[in-house]
Amino acid sequence: MLLEGRRLLITGVLTPQSIAFAVAGRAQEEGAEVLLTGFGRGLSITEKSARRLPTPPDVFEMDATDPAQIDAVAAEVGSRWGRLDGLLHAIAFAPEDALGGRFLETPWESAATAIRASAYSLKELVVANREPLREGRGSVVSLDFDATVAWPAYDWMGVSKAALESVTRYLARDLGGDGIRVNCVAAGPLRTVAARGIPGFDAFIDRWERRAPLGWDPTDPAPVADACVWLLSSRSAGITGEIVHVDGGFHAMGTDLRA
């Protein structure tokens, strides 16, 4: 099996429709042992979803903007496993006034919240788990959305995703000597809980369904999950600092298809 014997920390699981849930399930099917994290009011949802996985894993509370909670989870990983073979960063958040076409009016405080939660948290999480990742020569994967263009209504979340891509490259640079790989998966739009908070999200769905060369099913996270699992496996050795698009080919079709 692709992940047999590998130990993974997976963040961002909410409902069974979430990409992180699909990754956790696929990882278990491929032989991995997983731990999950949840946060705040969503923690109980994560715990309920965990019970629907093939092997219900433990769930730890972790606010990705709270260094103490990040360190506590890293300490638990270190004491329980000693090594960490893979980490999925599926964390993103932007306040309401940072989305929806209000880019010019968004205050710094809201922009900073989006960038810290959605991009800087990747650095914090990886650095906190650096020693177990070093022991496992681990693979880090984060979830992205194509940040090469300015999308309608996406605003400061788009800026945050651009920052996430850049953080990925710098982590790949600085941690390659430890044998740690860091990559992003840029997914097409999927109907998740997080997507519901993006104004005009249905317009994204319409574009992808009509114009992606391979087509696109916004209710099926399996292709994205499979790509994440591959990157978390040893089969992707030698790949780091990369942005892997799993979007039906939409990103490659030119600007006329983004109108």
C-alpha atoms as a PDB file:
ATOM      1  CA  MET A   1       0.000   0.000   0.000  1.00  0.00           C
ATOM      2  CA  LEU A   2       1.121   3.504  -0.840  1.00  0.00           C
ATOM      3  CA  LEU A   3       1.311   4.774   2.757  1.00  0.00           C
ATOM      4  CA  GLU A   4       1.857   1.551   4.659  1.00  0.00           C
ATOM      5  CA  GLY A   5       3.438   2.248   8.048  1.00  0.00           C
ATOM      6  CA  ARG A   6       3.415   6.016   7.561  1.00  0.00           C
ATOM      7  CA  ARG A   7       2.195   8.369  10.265  1.00  0.00           C
ATOM      8  CA  LEU A   8       0.325  11.514   9.274  1.00  0.00           C
ATOM      9  CA  LEU A   9      -0.994  14.619  11.007  1.00  0.00           C
ATOM     10  CA  ILE A  10      -4.049  15.943   9.157  1.00  0.00           C
ATOM     11  CA  THR A  11      -5.563  19.333   9.903  1.00  0.00           C
ATOM     12  CA  GLY A  12      -8.757  20.897   8.608  1.00  0.00           C
ATOM     13  CA  VAL A  13     -11.197  17.986   8.786  1.00  0.00           C
ATOM     14  CA  LEU A  14     -14.739  19.263   9.252  1.00  0.00           C
ATOM     15  CA  THR A  15     -17.622  17.468   7.550  1.00  0.00           C
ATOM     16  CA  PRO A  16     -17.189  14.328   5.433  1.00  0.00           C
ATOM     17  CA  GLN A  17     -17.418  16.623   2.385  1.00  0.00           C
ATOM     18  CA  SER A  18     -14.138  18.349   3.290  1.00  0.00           C
ATOM     19  CA  ILE A  19     -10.988  17.695   1.289  1.00  0.00           C
ATOM     20  CA  ALA A  20      -9.087  16.871   4.476  1.00  0.00           C
ATOM     21  CA  PHE A  21     -11.634  14.181   5.380  1.00  0.00           C
ATOM     22  CA  ALA A  22     -11.193  12.621   1.943  1.00  0.00           C
ATOM     23  CA  VAL A  23      -7.406  12.694   2.396  1.00  0.00           C
ATOM     24  CA  ALA A  24      -7.658  11.074   5.832  1.00  0.00           C
ATOM     25  CA  GLY A  25      -9.901   8.298   4.541  1.00  0.00           C
ATOM     26  CA  ARG A  26      -7.768   7.622   1.477  1.00  0.00           C
ATOM     27  CA  ALA A  27      -4.603   7.674   3.607  1.00  0.00           C
ATOM     28  CA  GLN A  28      -6.039   5.051   5.956  1.00  0.00           C
ATOM     29  CA  GLU A  29      -7.051   2.895   3.009  1.00  0.00           C
ATOM     30  CA  GLU A  30      -3.439   3.103   1.848  1.00  0.00           C
ATOM     31  CA  GLY A  31      -2.118   1.942   5.222  1.00  0.00           C
ATOM     32  CA  ALA A  32      -1.399   5.185   7.097  1.00  0.00           C
ATOM     33  CA  GLU A  33      -1.998   5.908  10.758  1.00  0.00           C
ATOM     34  CA  VAL A  34      -3.464   9.377  11.210  1.00  0.00           C
ATOM     35  CA  LEU A  35      -4.104  12.001  13.856  1.00  0.00           C
ATOM     36  CA  LEU A  36      -6.540  14.868  13.287  1.00  0.00           C
ATOM     37  CA  THR A  37      -6.836  18.395  14.633  1.00  0.00           C
ATOM     38  CA  GLY A  38      -9.924  20.546  15.092  1.00  0.00           C
ATOM     39  CA  PHE A  39     -10.633  23.991  16.421  1.00  0.00           C
ATOM     40  CA  GLY A  40     -13.189  25.858  18.505  1.00  0.00           C
ATOM     41  CA  ARG A  41     -16.835  25.264  17.664  1.00  0.00           C
ATOM     42  CA  GLY A  42     -15.746  23.028  14.783  1.00  0.00           C
ATOM     43  CA  LEU A  43     -13.953  20.599  17.124  1.00  0.00           C
ATOM     44  CA  SER A  44     -17.100  18.587  17.851  1.00  0.00           C
ATOM     45  CA  ILE A  45     -17.799  18.359  14.091  1.00  0.00           C
ATOM     46  CA  THR A  46     -14.280  17.044  13.535  1.00  0.00           C
ATOM     47  CA  GLU A  47     -14.770  14.456  16.270  1.00  0.00           C
ATOM     48  CA  LYS A  48     -18.056  13.283  14.726  1.00  0.00           C
ATOM     49  CA  SER A  49     -16.459  13.074  11.283  1.00  0.00           C
ATOM     50  CA  ALA A  50     -13.496  11.148  12.702  1.00  0.00           C
ATOM     51  CA  ARG A  51     -15.895   8.406  13.811  1.00  0.00           C
ATOM     52  CA  ARG A  52     -16.911   7.941  10.167  1.00  0.00           C
ATOM     53  CA  LEU A  53     -13.399   7.128   9.005  1.00  0.00           C
ATOM     54  CA  PRO A  54     -12.409   3.480   8.479  1.00  0.00           C
ATOM     55  CA  THR A  55     -10.383   3.589  11.706  1.00  0.00           C
ATOM     56  CA  PRO A  56     -11.539   6.453  13.971  1.00  0.00           C
ATOM     57  CA  PRO A  57      -8.402   8.460  14.876  1.00  0.00           C
ATOM     58  CA  ASP A  58      -7.692  10.662  17.864  1.00  0.00           C
ATOM     59  CA  VAL A  59      -8.523  14.362  17.485  1.00  0.00           C
ATOM     60  CA  PHE A  60      -6.560  17.174  19.151  1.00  0.00           C
ATOM     61  CA  GLU A  61      -7.670  20.758  19.539  1.00  0.00           C
ATOM     62  CA  MET A  62      -5.444  23.215  17.684  1.00  0.00           C
ATOM     63  CA  ASP A  63      -5.991  26.841  16.797  1.00  0.00           C
ATOM     64  CA  ALA A  64      -3.481  27.446  13.997  1.00  0.00           C
ATOM     65  CA  THR A  65      -3.017  31.044  15.172  1.00  0.00           C
ATOM     66  CA  ASP A  66      -2.146  29.988  18.739  1.00  0.00           C
ATOM     67  CA  PRO A  67       1.533  28.980  19.081  1.00  0.00           C
ATOM     68  CA  ALA A  68       0.876  27.273  22.421  1.00  0.00           C
ATOM     69  CA  GLN A  69      -1.716  24.948  20.915  1.00  0.00           C
ATOM     70  CA  ILE A  70       0.495  24.234  17.900  1.00  0.00           C
ATOM     71  CA  ASP A  71       3.374  23.353  20.222  1.00  0.00           C
ATOM     72  CA  ALA A  72       1.109  21.138  22.347  1.00  0.00           C
ATOM     73  CA  VAL A  73       0.045  19.101  19.320  1.00  0.00           C
ATOM     74  CA  ALA A  74       3.653  18.841  18.112  1.00  0.00           C
ATOM     75  CA  ALA A  75       4.685  17.601  21.570  1.00  0.00           C
ATOM     76  CA  GLU A  76       1.945  14.963  21.443  1.00  0.00           C
ATOM     77  CA  VAL A  77       3.087  13.840  17.989  1.00  0.00           C
ATOM     78  CA  GLY A  78       6.683  13.619  19.183  1.00  0.00           C
ATOM     79  CA  SER A  79       5.893  11.661  22.349  1.00  0.00           C
ATOM     80  CA  ARG A  80       3.420   9.320  20.653  1.00  0.00           C
ATOM     81  CA  TRP A  81       5.252   8.566  17.432  1.00  0.00           C
ATOM     82  CA  GLY A  82       8.742  10.045  17.604  1.00  0.00           C
ATOM     83  CA  ARG A  83       8.604  10.700  13.881  1.00  0.00           C
ATOM     84  CA  LEU A  84       6.136  12.253  11.469  1.00  0.00           C
ATOM     85  CA  ASP A  85       6.001  11.027   7.885  1.00  0.00           C
ATOM     86  CA  GLY A  86       3.499  13.532   6.574  1.00  0.00           C
ATOM     87  CA  LEU A  87       1.487  16.628   7.414  1.00  0.00           C
ATOM     88  CA  LEU A  88      -1.563  18.031   5.640  1.00  0.00           C
ATOM     89  CA  HIS A  89      -2.187  21.761   6.090  1.00  0.00           C
ATOM     90  CA  ALA A  90      -5.851  22.320   5.223  1.00  0.00           C
ATOM     91  CA  ILE A  91      -6.360  25.575   7.099  1.00  0.00           C
ATOM     92  CA  ALA A  92      -7.734  28.821   5.689  1.00  0.00           C
ATOM     93  CA  PHE A  93      -9.831  31.672   7.046  1.00  0.00           C
ATOM     94  CA  ALA A  94     -10.670  35.234   6.064  1.00  0.00           C
ATOM     95  CA  PRO A  95     -13.023  37.615   7.878  1.00  0.00           C
ATOM     96  CA  GLU A  96     -16.194  38.568   6.026  1.00  0.00           C
ATOM     97  CA  ASP A  97     -14.918  42.060   5.212  1.00  0.00           C
ATOM     98  CA  ALA A  98     -11.856  40.583   3.473  1.00  0.00           C
ATOM     99  CA  LEU A  99     -14.000  38.905   0.796  1.00  0.00           C
ATOM    100  CA  GLY A 100     -16.814  39.758  -1.583  1.00  0.00           C
ATOM    101  CA  GLY A 101     -15.380  42.591  -3.650  1.00  0.00           C
ATOM    102  CA  ARG A 102     -14.360  44.803  -0.734  1.00  0.00           C
ATOM    103  CA  PHE A 103     -10.637  44.531  -1.407  1.00  0.00           C
ATOM    104  CA  LEU A 104      -9.994  48.279  -1.309  1.00  0.00           C
ATOM    105  CA  GLU A 105     -11.938  48.759   1.914  1.00  0.00           C
ATOM    106  CA  THR A 106     -10.539  45.811   3.889  1.00  0.00           C
ATOM    107  CA  PRO A 107      -8.703  47.016   7.012  1.00  0.00           C
ATOM    108  CA  TRP A 108      -5.240  45.750   7.822  1.00  0.00           C
ATOM    109  CA  GLU A 109      -6.525  43.837  10.841  1.00  0.00           C
ATOM    110  CA  SER A 110      -8.764  41.665   8.648  1.00  0.00           C
ATOM    111  CA  ALA A 111      -6.106  41.202   5.965  1.00  0.00           C
ATOM    112  CA  ALA A 112      -3.593  40.235   8.639  1.00  0.00           C
ATOM    113  CA  THR A 113      -6.011  37.699  10.111  1.00  0.00           C
ATOM    114  CA  ALA A 114      -6.464  36.069   6.698  1.00  0.00           C
ATOM    115  CA  ILE A 115      -2.734  35.920   5.972  1.00  0.00           C
ATOM    116  CA  ARG A 116      -1.820  34.604   9.409  1.00  0.00           C
ATOM    117  CA  ALA A 117      -4.481  31.883   9.474  1.00  0.00           C
ATOM    118  CA  SER A 118      -4.126  30.821   5.848  1.00  0.00           C
ATOM    119  CA  ALA A 119      -0.390  31.196   5.098  1.00  0.00           C
ATOM    120  CA  TYR A 120       1.790  31.997   8.096  1.00  0.00           C
ATOM    121  CA  SER A 121       0.224  29.063   9.965  1.00  0.00           C
ATOM    122  CA  LEU A 122       1.928  26.693   7.521  1.00  0.00           C
ATOM    123  CA  LYS A 123       5.323  27.944   8.661  1.00  0.00           C
ATOM    124  CA  GLU A 124       4.307  27.750  12.321  1.00  0.00           C
ATOM    125  CA  LEU A 125       2.978  24.209  12.016  1.00  0.00           C
ATOM    126  CA  VAL A 126       5.969  22.897  10.091  1.00  0.00           C
ATOM    127  CA  VAL A 127       8.562  24.522  12.344  1.00  0.00           C
ATOM    128  CA  ALA A 128       6.835  23.175  15.473  1.00  0.00           C
ATOM    129  CA  ASN A 129       6.952  19.661  13.976  1.00  0.00           C
ATOM    130  CA  ARG A 130      10.394  19.998  12.417  1.00  0.00           C
ATOM    131  CA  GLU A 131      12.110  17.351  14.544  1.00  0.00           C
ATOM    132  CA  PRO A 132       9.529  14.571  14.011  1.00  0.00           C
ATOM    133  CA  LEU A 133       9.353  15.515  10.312  1.00  0.00           C
ATOM    134  CA  ARG A 134      13.143  15.310  10.117  1.00  0.00           C
ATOM    135  CA  GLU A 135      13.043  11.854  11.709  1.00  0.00           C
ATOM    136  CA  GLY A 136      10.473  10.704   9.186  1.00  0.00           C
ATOM    137  CA  ARG A 137      11.952  12.577   6.222  1.00  0.00           C
ATOM    138  CA  GLY A 138       8.407  13.815   6.019  1.00  0.00           C
ATOM    139  CA  SER A 139       6.272  15.321   3.306  1.00  0.00           C
ATOM    140  CA  VAL A 140       4.191  18.456   3.928  1.00  0.00           C
ATOM    141  CA  VAL A 141       1.207  19.212   1.690  1.00  0.00           C
ATOM    142  CA  SER A 142      -0.995  22.319   1.834  1.00  0.00           C
ATOM    143  CA  LEU A 143      -4.251  23.035   0.024  1.00  0.00           C
ATOM    144  CA  ASP A 144      -4.128  25.916  -2.431  1.00  0.00           C
ATOM    145  CA  PHE A 145      -6.345  27.700  -4.960  1.00  0.00           C
ATOM    146  CA  ASP A 146      -4.668  29.094  -8.067  1.00  0.00           C
ATOM    147  CA  ALA A 147      -3.157  32.404  -6.953  1.00  0.00           C
ATOM    148  CA  THR A 148      -1.729  33.525 -10.296  1.00  0.00           C
ATOM    149  CA  VAL A 149      -4.753  35.691 -11.135  1.00  0.00           C
ATOM    150  CA  ALA A 150      -7.187  37.996  -9.318  1.00  0.00           C
ATOM    151  CA  TRP A 151     -10.466  36.127  -8.895  1.00  0.00           C
ATOM    152  CA  PRO A 152     -13.850  37.837  -8.444  1.00  0.00           C
ATOM    153  CA  ALA A 153     -14.749  38.219  -4.754  1.00  0.00           C
ATOM    154  CA  TYR A 154     -11.769  36.159  -3.531  1.00  0.00           C
ATOM    155  CA  ASP A 155      -9.849  39.289  -2.524  1.00  0.00           C
ATOM    156  CA  TRP A 156      -7.591  38.869   0.537  1.00  0.00           C
ATOM    157  CA  MET A 157      -7.989  35.117   0.514  1.00  0.00           C
ATOM    158  CA  GLY A 158      -6.397  35.231  -2.923  1.00  0.00           C
ATOM    159  CA  VAL A 159      -3.543  37.271  -1.474  1.00  0.00           C
ATOM    160  CA  SER A 160      -3.276  34.725   1.343  1.00  0.00           C
ATOM    161  CA  LYS A 161      -3.073  31.836  -1.125  1.00  0.00           C
ATOM    162  CA  ALA A 162      -0.310  33.652  -3.020  1.00  0.00           C
ATOM    163  CA  ALA A 163       1.506  33.985   0.303  1.00  0.00           C
ATOM    164  CA  LEU A 164       0.914  30.279   0.988  1.00  0.00           C
ATOM    165  CA  GLU A 165       2.591  29.381  -2.296  1.00  0.00           C
ATOM    166  CA  SER A 166       5.569  31.582  -1.456  1.00  0.00           C
ATOM    167  CA  VAL A 167       5.835  30.168   2.079  1.00  0.00           C
ATOM    168  CA  THR A 168       5.861  26.716   0.486  1.00  0.00           C
ATOM    169  CA  ARG A 169       8.865  27.586  -1.656  1.00  0.00           C
ATOM    170  CA  TYR A 170      10.831  29.116   1.219  1.00  0.00           C
ATOM    171  CA  LEU A 171      10.104  26.155   3.494  1.00  0.00           C
ATOM    172  CA  ALA A 172      11.212  23.819   0.701  1.00  0.00           C
ATOM    173  CA  ARG A 173      14.447  25.807   0.467  1.00  0.00           C
ATOM    174  CA  ASP A 174      15.188  25.851   4.182  1.00  0.00           C
ATOM    175  CA  LEU A 175      14.081  22.319   5.091  1.00  0.00           C
ATOM    176  CA  GLY A 176      15.371  20.365   2.124  1.00  0.00           C
ATOM    177  CA  GLY A 177      18.578  19.661   4.028  1.00  0.00           C
ATOM    178  CA  ASP A 178      16.462  17.863   6.641  1.00  0.00           C
ATOM    179  CA  GLY A 179      14.926  15.684   3.954  1.00  0.00           C
ATOM    180  CA  ILE A 180      11.566  17.425   4.420  1.00  0.00           C
ATOM    181  CA  ARG A 181       9.525  18.086   1.274  1.00  0.00           C
ATOM    182  CA  VAL A 182       6.910  20.873   1.067  1.00  0.00           C
ATOM    183  CA  ASN A 183       4.356  21.149  -1.734  1.00  0.00           C
ATOM    184  CA  CYS A 184       0.918  22.648  -2.505  1.00  0.00           C
ATOM    185  CA  VAL A 185      -2.072  21.107  -4.236  1.00  0.00           C
ATOM    186  CA  ALA A 186      -4.079  23.762  -6.093  1.00  0.00           C
ATOM    187  CA  ALA A 187      -7.571  22.290  -6.243  1.00  0.00           C
ATOM    188  CA  GLY A 188     -10.472  23.288  -8.394  1.00  0.00           C
ATOM    189  CA  PRO A 189     -13.559  24.583  -6.553  1.00  0.00           C
ATOM    190  CA  LEU A 190     -15.333  22.026  -4.372  1.00  0.00           C
ATOM    191  CA  ARG A 191     -18.565  22.353  -2.419  1.00  0.00           C
ATOM    192  CA  THR A 192     -17.147  22.317   1.093  1.00  0.00           C
ATOM    193  CA  VAL A 193     -18.146  24.175   4.259  1.00  0.00           C
ATOM    194  CA  ALA A 194     -15.266  26.607   3.692  1.00  0.00           C
ATOM    195  CA  ALA A 195     -16.472  27.337   0.146  1.00  0.00           C
ATOM    196  CA  ARG A 196     -19.863  28.446   1.429  1.00  0.00           C
ATOM    197  CA  GLY A 197     -18.223  31.497   2.971  1.00  0.00           C
ATOM    198  CA  ILE A 198     -16.943  32.766  -0.385  1.00  0.00           C
ATOM    199  CA  PRO A 199     -19.388  35.204  -2.047  1.00  0.00           C
ATOM    200  CA  GLY A 200     -20.192  34.279  -5.638  1.00  0.00           C
ATOM    201  CA  PHE A 201     -18.792  30.768  -5.267  1.00  0.00           C
ATOM    202  CA  ASP A 202     -21.358  29.332  -7.698  1.00  0.00           C
ATOM    203  CA  ALA A 203     -19.786  31.425 -10.475  1.00  0.00           C
ATOM    204  CA  PHE A 204     -16.514  29.558  -9.913  1.00  0.00           C
ATOM    205  CA  ILE A 205     -18.347  26.233 -10.188  1.00  0.00           C
ATOM    206  CA  ASP A 206     -20.048  27.280 -13.412  1.00  0.00           C
ATOM    207  CA  ARG A 207     -16.747  28.270 -15.053  1.00  0.00           C
ATOM    208  CA  TRP A 208     -15.035  25.002 -14.129  1.00  0.00           C
ATOM    209  CA  GLU A 209     -17.888  22.736 -15.174  1.00  0.00           C
ATOM    210  CA  ARG A 210     -18.104  24.413 -18.587  1.00  0.00           C
ATOM    211  CA  ARG A 211     -14.460  25.025 -19.385  1.00  0.00           C
ATOM    212  CA  ALA A 212     -12.101  22.568 -17.684  1.00  0.00           C
ATOM    213  CA  PRO A 213     -10.839  20.234 -20.458  1.00  0.00           C
ATOM    214  CA  LEU A 214     -11.377  17.146 -18.282  1.00  0.00           C
ATOM    215  CA  GLY A 215     -14.592  18.461 -16.809  1.00  0.00           C
ATOM    216  CA  TRP A 216     -15.002  19.083 -13.112  1.00  0.00           C
ATOM    217  CA  ASP A 217     -17.245  17.597 -10.436  1.00  0.00           C
ATOM    218  CA  PRO A 218     -17.469  20.079  -7.525  1.00  0.00           C
ATOM    219  CA  THR A 219     -18.937  17.406  -5.249  1.00  0.00           C
ATOM    220  CA  ASP A 220     -16.069  14.921  -5.633  1.00  0.00           C
ATOM    221  CA  PRO A 221     -12.886  15.595  -3.620  1.00  0.00           C
ATOM    222  CA  ALA A 222     -11.393  12.190  -4.503  1.00  0.00           C
ATOM    223  CA  PRO A 223      -9.027  13.407  -7.283  1.00  0.00           C
ATOM    224  CA  VAL A 224      -7.620  16.078  -4.962  1.00  0.00           C
ATOM    225  CA  ALA A 225      -7.294  13.591  -2.105  1.00  0.00           C
ATOM    226  CA  ASP A 226      -5.481  11.104  -4.341  1.00  0.00           C
ATOM    227  CA  ALA A 227      -2.957  13.754  -5.374  1.00  0.00           C
ATOM    228  CA  CYS A 228      -2.356  14.688  -1.731  1.00  0.00           C
ATOM    229  CA  VAL A 229      -1.854  11.048  -0.775  1.00  0.00           C
ATOM    230  CA  TRP A 230       0.655  10.617  -3.595  1.00  0.00           C
ATOM    231  CA  LEU A 231       2.597  13.677  -2.443  1.00  0.00           C
ATOM    232  CA  LEU A 232       2.533  12.373   1.133  1.00  0.00           C
ATOM    233  CA  SER A 233       4.016   9.082  -0.045  1.00  0.00           C
ATOM    234  CA  SER A 234       7.600   8.144  -0.855  1.00  0.00           C
ATOM    235  CA  ARG A 235       6.565   7.798  -4.513  1.00  0.00           C
ATOM    236  CA  SER A 236       6.903  11.570  -4.865  1.00  0.00           C
ATOM    237  CA  ALA A 237      10.469  11.680  -3.542  1.00  0.00           C
ATOM    238  CA  GLY A 238      12.444  14.406  -5.276  1.00  0.00           C
ATOM    239  CA  ILE A 239       9.494  16.784  -5.572  1.00  0.00           C
ATOM    240  CA  THR A 240       9.479  19.873  -3.364  1.00  0.00           C
ATOM    241  CA  GLY A 241       8.510  23.533  -3.660  1.00  0.00           C
ATOM    242  CA  GLU A 242       5.922  22.544  -6.253  1.00  0.00           C
ATOM    243  CA  ILE A 243       2.348  23.670  -6.965  1.00  0.00           C
ATOM    244  CA  VAL A 244       0.395  20.673  -8.291  1.00  0.00           C
ATOM    245  CA  HIS A 245      -2.863  21.625  -9.995  1.00  0.00           C
ATOM    246  CA  VAL A 246      -5.780  19.233  -9.645  1.00  0.00           C
ATOM    247  CA  ASP A 247      -8.449  21.256 -11.414  1.00  0.00           C
ATOM    248  CA  GLY A 248      -9.413  19.372 -14.561  1.00  0.00           C
ATOM    249  CA  GLY A 249      -6.816  21.365 -16.512  1.00  0.00           C
ATOM    250  CA  PHE A 250      -8.644  24.686 -16.107  1.00  0.00           C
ATOM    251  CA  HIS A 251      -5.499  26.603 -15.070  1.00  0.00           C
ATOM    252  CA  ALA A 252      -3.708  25.765 -18.343  1.00  0.00           C
ATOM    253  CA  MET A 253      -6.349  27.007 -20.731  1.00  0.00           C
ATOM    254  CA  GLY A 254      -5.479  30.701 -21.055  1.00  0.00           C
ATOM    255  CA  THR A 255      -7.029  33.961 -19.938  1.00  0.00           C
ATOM    256  CA  ASP A 256      -9.995  33.737 -22.299  1.00  0.00           C
ATOM    257  CA  LEU A 257     -11.329  30.844 -20.251  1.00  0.00           C
ATOM    258  CA  ARG A 258     -11.196  32.801 -16.990  1.00  0.00           C
ATOM    259  CA  ALA A 259     -13.630  35.506 -18.045  1.00  0.00           C
END
